[in-house]
Amino acid sequence: MKKVLVIGILTLLTGGVSTILSNSAGAPPGRAGDKGTSCIGCHTDNALGAQGTQVAIELYDLNKNPVNALAPNTTYLVEVSVSSNAAFSTGGFEVTAVSIDASAADPSVGAFSTDNRTQAISQGNRTYVTHTAYKPSVTNNKITWGFQWTSPAALSDGVRFYAAGIAANGDGANSGDYVATNTADYQAVTSGTAAAHLIPSTMGHIYVDNMKIHAQWNEPISSWMVMNAGGKVVSMGGKMLAGHYQLAHSLANGVYQVVVRSKDGRWFTQSLFVP
């Protein structure tokens, strides 16, 4: 009996309990894949990405428009979703953000803001966001979390988001789960926009109506953003096809600048007054 007790205590002290209990209330820090370690280190039953398991990271502005370029000191919505062809009842994730050219010793960048379904944890000089015990529901074999991230004040390089996700069977153990990893790169808004030309009529027409900025594109564009007179980005987004779009709404009175990048990489701009 004494030998059995000693073995049990050693198992706890050496971390053997991690092979028995799952991390349903949050992953340990450093498992997002940014340093070569992910959730597959404990959930080892299946190969990475088995059963078509995927984790996706997507960024939006605060109006829920998708973005593909980052402005400094700007808050974005981050969505992380885990999907799988395997049947699963719950899941988990971990995310961090670093400079695209960061080494393993470099710190994370930006600041995360979480709610009761997400939490910020740290390891060394990096901050991670992971799930809590309060999980979203799995719908159509997909589970999604949302939180906010504010870009750093100095943003000369792009940002790479690392994510690891688990499609879990919910049995409270580390077995029978599926793991995936992924990265998402977002470039900084180029300073070359200052030399942009006036938006030509062949590209489209931008106008103000009822405190909103609208655009009628005659051709696809690569990206766009709306800035106020102080240079703060109030709305931005990625690719748009030809058609009518609302670029910004509920605007205060003042002058705004719309900056557009064409599909061939040229920059155009137009100033508008919101009465």
Protein backbone atom coordinates (compact mmCIF):
# COMPACT_ATOMS: atom_id res chain seq x y z
CA MET A 1 0.00 0.00 0.00
CA LYS A 2 2.82 2.40 0.82
CA LYS A 3 4.50 1.76 -2.56
CA VAL A 4 1.27 2.50 -4.41
CA LEU A 5 0.85 5.75 -2.48
CA VAL A 6 4.41 6.88 -3.22
CA ILE A 7 4.02 6.13 -6.93
CA GLY A 8 0.79 8.13 -7.00
CA ILE A 9 2.47 11.13 -5.34
CA LEU A 10 5.40 10.98 -7.78
CA THR A 11 3.00 10.89 -10.69
CA LEU A 12 1.40 14.13 -9.49
CA LEU A 13 4.74 15.82 -8.76
CA THR A 14 6.23 14.96 -12.15
CA GLY A 15 3.21 16.15 -14.10
CA GLY A 16 1.81 12.70 -14.90
CA VAL A 17 -1.65 14.02 -14.05
CA SER A 18 -1.61 15.95 -17.36
CA THR A 19 -2.08 12.67 -19.22
CA ILE A 20 -5.26 12.02 -17.23
CA LEU A 21 -6.98 15.39 -16.96
CA SER A 22 -7.81 17.73 -19.83
CA ASN A 23 -7.42 21.51 -19.71
CA SER A 24 -11.12 22.31 -20.05
CA ALA A 25 -10.72 25.64 -18.24
CA GLY A 26 -7.82 26.84 -20.39
CA ALA A 27 -4.68 25.61 -22.11
CA PRO A 28 -1.25 26.02 -20.50
CA PRO A 29 0.70 29.02 -21.86
CA GLY A 30 3.09 28.49 -24.75
CA ARG A 31 0.93 26.00 -26.69
CA ALA A 32 -0.10 28.21 -29.63
CA GLY A 33 2.66 26.87 -31.89
CA ASP A 34 4.77 30.02 -31.81
CA LYS A 35 7.66 28.20 -30.15
CA GLY A 36 7.16 24.83 -31.79
CA THR A 37 4.87 23.47 -29.08
CA SER A 38 1.12 23.07 -29.42
CA CYS A 39 -1.81 21.20 -27.87
CA ILE A 40 -0.65 18.05 -29.67
CA GLY A 41 1.99 17.75 -26.93
CA CYS A 42 -0.70 16.42 -24.56
CA HIS A 43 -3.54 15.41 -26.89
CA THR A 44 -1.51 12.78 -28.73
CA ASP A 45 -4.11 10.25 -29.90
CA ASN A 46 -4.44 11.63 -33.42
CA ALA A 47 -2.05 13.24 -35.88
CA LEU A 48 -2.10 17.01 -36.28
CA GLY A 49 -4.98 17.95 -38.58
CA ALA A 50 -6.51 14.45 -38.61
CA GLN A 51 -10.15 14.18 -39.73
CA GLY A 52 -9.83 17.51 -41.51
CA THR A 53 -9.52 19.38 -38.22
CA GLN A 54 -8.70 23.06 -38.75
CA VAL A 55 -8.24 26.20 -36.68
CA ALA A 56 -8.79 29.60 -38.33
CA ILE A 57 -7.91 33.16 -37.24
CA GLU A 58 -9.74 36.13 -38.74
CA LEU A 59 -9.58 39.85 -37.96
CA TYR A 60 -12.36 42.43 -38.36
CA ASP A 61 -12.74 46.10 -37.61
CA LEU A 62 -15.21 47.14 -34.92
CA ASN A 63 -17.97 47.30 -37.54
CA LYS A 64 -17.29 43.62 -38.36
CA ASN A 65 -15.70 44.37 -41.73
CA PRO A 66 -12.85 41.96 -42.56
CA VAL A 67 -9.37 43.52 -42.64
CA ASN A 68 -6.13 42.55 -44.33
CA ALA A 69 -3.89 45.41 -43.21
CA LEU A 70 -3.26 46.80 -39.73
CA ALA A 71 -3.13 50.40 -38.55
CA PRO A 72 -1.17 51.29 -35.39
CA ASN A 73 -2.94 51.66 -32.03
CA THR A 74 -6.22 50.33 -33.43
CA THR A 75 -8.59 47.80 -31.85
CA TYR A 76 -9.75 44.82 -33.89
CA LEU A 77 -12.13 41.93 -33.36
CA VAL A 78 -10.42 38.53 -33.47
CA GLU A 79 -12.36 35.36 -34.23
CA VAL A 80 -10.83 31.93 -33.67
CA SER A 81 -12.78 28.91 -34.85
CA VAL A 82 -12.13 25.17 -34.69
CA SER A 83 -13.81 22.80 -37.14
CA SER A 84 -13.49 19.08 -37.84
CA ASN A 85 -15.02 16.26 -39.84
CA ALA A 86 -14.89 14.20 -36.65
CA ALA A 87 -17.79 14.34 -34.22
CA PHE A 88 -16.95 16.58 -31.24
CA SER A 89 -18.93 18.24 -28.48
CA THR A 90 -16.61 21.02 -27.27
CA GLY A 91 -13.19 22.49 -27.93
CA GLY A 92 -10.38 24.76 -26.91
CA PHE A 93 -7.76 27.09 -28.39
CA GLU A 94 -4.72 29.24 -27.72
CA VAL A 95 -3.55 32.31 -29.67
CA THR A 96 -0.69 34.78 -29.55
CA ALA A 97 0.52 37.63 -31.77
CA VAL A 98 4.15 38.43 -32.63
CA SER A 99 6.00 40.38 -35.30
CA ILE A 100 6.23 38.42 -38.54
CA ASP A 101 10.02 38.21 -38.32
CA ALA A 102 10.08 37.48 -34.56
CA SER A 103 12.47 34.95 -33.07
CA ALA A 104 11.48 32.62 -30.25
CA ALA A 105 12.96 35.10 -27.76
CA ASP A 106 11.00 38.14 -28.96
CA PRO A 107 7.91 39.33 -27.05
CA SER A 108 4.30 39.22 -28.19
CA VAL A 109 2.86 42.44 -29.61
CA GLY A 110 -0.36 44.34 -29.01
CA ALA A 111 -2.82 43.95 -26.15
CA PHE A 112 -5.65 41.41 -25.81
CA SER A 113 -9.02 42.14 -24.21
CA THR A 114 -11.06 39.13 -23.09
CA ASP A 115 -14.48 38.19 -21.69
CA ASN A 116 -15.84 35.31 -19.60
CA ARG A 117 -15.24 32.80 -22.43
CA THR A 118 -11.62 33.81 -22.97
CA GLN A 119 -8.68 34.65 -20.74
CA ALA A 120 -5.17 36.09 -21.10
CA ILE A 121 -2.23 34.09 -19.74
CA SER A 122 1.51 34.68 -19.91
CA GLN A 123 4.74 32.78 -20.32
CA GLY A 124 7.95 34.79 -20.18
CA ASN A 125 7.55 37.88 -22.35
CA ARG A 126 4.58 36.55 -24.35
CA THR A 127 0.86 36.87 -23.71
CA TYR A 128 -1.60 34.24 -24.93
CA VAL A 129 -5.38 34.05 -25.08
CA THR A 130 -7.11 30.75 -24.39
CA HIS A 131 -10.59 29.43 -23.60
CA THR A 132 -12.26 29.24 -20.20
CA ALA A 133 -14.69 26.68 -18.81
CA TYR A 134 -17.57 28.70 -20.34
CA LYS A 135 -17.59 27.33 -23.88
CA PRO A 136 -19.54 28.47 -26.94
CA SER A 137 -21.76 25.83 -28.50
CA VAL A 138 -20.58 23.59 -31.32
CA THR A 139 -22.70 24.36 -34.39
CA ASN A 140 -22.35 22.47 -37.68
CA ASN A 141 -19.09 20.92 -36.44
CA LYS A 142 -17.59 24.33 -35.66
CA ILE A 143 -16.90 26.23 -32.43
CA THR A 144 -15.94 29.92 -32.43
CA TRP A 145 -14.54 32.38 -29.88
CA GLY A 146 -14.25 36.15 -30.19
CA PHE A 147 -12.14 38.73 -28.38
CA GLN A 148 -10.39 42.04 -29.06
CA TRP A 149 -6.78 42.86 -29.84
CA THR A 150 -5.26 46.35 -30.02
CA SER A 151 -2.27 46.82 -32.30
CA PRO A 152 0.90 48.42 -30.90
CA ALA A 153 1.51 52.16 -31.30
CA ALA A 154 4.59 51.43 -33.42
CA LEU A 155 3.73 49.03 -36.22
CA SER A 156 6.51 49.06 -38.81
CA ASP A 157 6.33 45.32 -39.52
CA GLY A 158 3.46 42.95 -40.05
CA VAL A 159 1.96 40.77 -37.33
CA ARG A 160 1.69 36.98 -37.28
CA PHE A 161 -1.03 35.33 -35.21
CA TYR A 162 -0.31 31.77 -34.07
CA ALA A 163 -3.21 29.53 -33.10
CA ALA A 164 -3.72 25.98 -31.89
CA GLY A 165 -7.18 24.47 -31.56
CA ILE A 166 -8.79 21.29 -30.23
CA ALA A 167 -11.97 19.55 -31.32
CA ALA A 168 -12.67 17.62 -28.13
CA ASN A 169 -15.02 14.78 -27.26
CA GLY A 170 -15.76 16.29 -23.85
CA ASP A 171 -14.95 13.20 -21.77
CA GLY A 172 -12.60 15.14 -19.45
CA ALA A 173 -9.50 13.27 -20.62
CA ASN A 174 -6.76 13.98 -23.16
CA SER A 175 -7.68 11.04 -25.38
CA GLY A 176 -9.90 10.97 -28.44
CA ASP A 177 -9.41 14.65 -29.34
CA TYR A 178 -8.27 16.29 -32.58
CA VAL A 179 -5.73 19.11 -32.80
CA ALA A 180 -4.85 21.65 -35.50
CA THR A 181 -2.48 24.63 -35.75
CA ASN A 182 -2.38 27.63 -38.06
CA THR A 183 -0.93 31.10 -38.59
CA ALA A 184 -2.40 34.29 -40.06
CA ASP A 185 -0.24 37.16 -41.29
CA TYR A 186 -1.41 40.78 -41.44
CA GLN A 187 0.77 43.48 -42.96
CA ALA A 188 1.00 47.00 -41.59
CA VAL A 189 -0.71 49.75 -43.56
CA THR A 190 1.95 51.11 -45.84
CA SER A 191 3.13 54.70 -45.40
CA GLY A 192 3.04 55.04 -49.18
CA THR A 193 -0.61 56.08 -48.93
CA ALA A 194 0.53 59.68 -48.38
CA ALA A 195 1.51 59.88 -52.06
CA ALA A 196 -1.77 58.45 -53.29
CA HIS A 197 -3.64 59.99 -56.21
CA LEU A 198 -7.26 61.08 -56.28
CA ILE A 199 -9.62 58.15 -56.79
CA PRO A 200 -10.40 58.08 -60.55
CA SER A 201 -13.98 57.86 -61.76
CA THR A 202 -13.08 54.67 -63.61
CA MET A 203 -12.45 52.98 -60.25
CA GLY A 204 -15.63 54.17 -58.58
CA HIS A 205 -17.51 56.89 -56.76
CA ILE A 206 -17.40 57.71 -53.02
CA TYR A 207 -20.03 59.89 -51.37
CA VAL A 208 -21.63 60.85 -48.02
CA ASP A 209 -25.27 60.22 -47.22
CA ASN A 210 -26.95 60.53 -43.80
CA MET A 211 -23.70 60.47 -41.75
CA LYS A 212 -22.44 57.46 -43.71
CA ILE A 213 -19.72 57.01 -46.31
CA HIS A 214 -20.69 54.91 -49.32
CA ALA A 215 -18.69 53.58 -52.25
CA GLN A 216 -19.78 52.36 -55.66
CA TRP A 217 -16.84 50.39 -57.03
CA ASN A 218 -16.61 49.87 -60.78
CA GLU A 219 -13.84 47.30 -60.35
CA PRO A 220 -12.49 45.04 -57.57
CA ILE A 221 -10.22 46.68 -54.99
CA SER A 222 -7.57 45.16 -52.74
CA SER A 223 -8.13 47.08 -49.47
CA TRP A 224 -9.52 50.32 -48.06
CA MET A 225 -9.69 52.43 -44.91
CA VAL A 226 -11.42 55.57 -43.61
CA MET A 227 -9.49 57.99 -41.40
CA ASN A 228 -10.71 61.01 -39.46
CA ALA A 229 -9.03 64.43 -39.50
CA GLY A 230 -6.68 63.33 -36.72
CA GLY A 231 -5.39 60.38 -38.77
CA LYS A 232 -7.18 57.73 -36.69
CA VAL A 233 -8.56 54.80 -38.66
CA VAL A 234 -12.32 54.58 -38.01
CA SER A 235 -13.08 51.79 -40.47
CA MET A 236 -11.11 49.52 -42.77
CA GLY A 237 -11.46 46.35 -44.77
CA GLY A 238 -10.07 43.95 -47.33
CA LYS A 239 -10.98 42.89 -50.84
CA MET A 240 -14.22 44.12 -52.39
CA LEU A 241 -15.77 43.21 -55.70
CA ALA A 242 -17.43 45.74 -57.99
CA GLY A 243 -20.68 46.94 -56.40
CA HIS A 244 -22.17 49.23 -53.75
CA TYR A 245 -20.80 49.19 -50.19
CA GLN A 246 -21.13 51.16 -46.96
CA LEU A 247 -17.64 51.98 -45.71
CA ALA A 248 -18.46 53.79 -42.45
CA HIS A 249 -21.52 54.90 -40.48
CA SER A 250 -22.55 56.93 -37.40
CA LEU A 251 -19.81 59.43 -38.15
CA ALA A 252 -19.34 62.70 -36.27
CA ASN A 253 -19.24 65.94 -38.23
CA GLY A 254 -15.90 66.61 -39.85
CA VAL A 255 -13.48 65.78 -42.62
CA TYR A 256 -12.62 62.17 -43.43
CA GLN A 257 -10.19 60.59 -45.85
CA VAL A 258 -10.87 57.38 -47.74
CA VAL A 259 -7.73 55.51 -48.83
CA VAL A 260 -8.04 52.72 -51.37
CA ARG A 261 -5.56 50.21 -52.77
CA SER A 262 -6.30 48.98 -56.27
CA LYS A 263 -6.00 45.36 -57.32
CA ASP A 264 -2.69 46.18 -59.04
CA GLY A 265 -1.19 47.75 -55.89
CA ARG A 266 -1.68 51.48 -56.56
CA TRP A 267 -2.95 53.82 -53.83
CA PHE A 268 -5.75 56.37 -54.21
CA THR A 269 -7.39 58.74 -51.75
CA GLN A 270 -10.33 61.09 -51.44
CA SER A 271 -11.35 63.59 -48.76
CA LEU A 272 -15.00 63.93 -47.76
CA PHE A 273 -16.91 66.24 -45.42
CA VAL A 274 -19.61 64.81 -43.18
CA PRO A 275 -22.01 67.68 -42.32
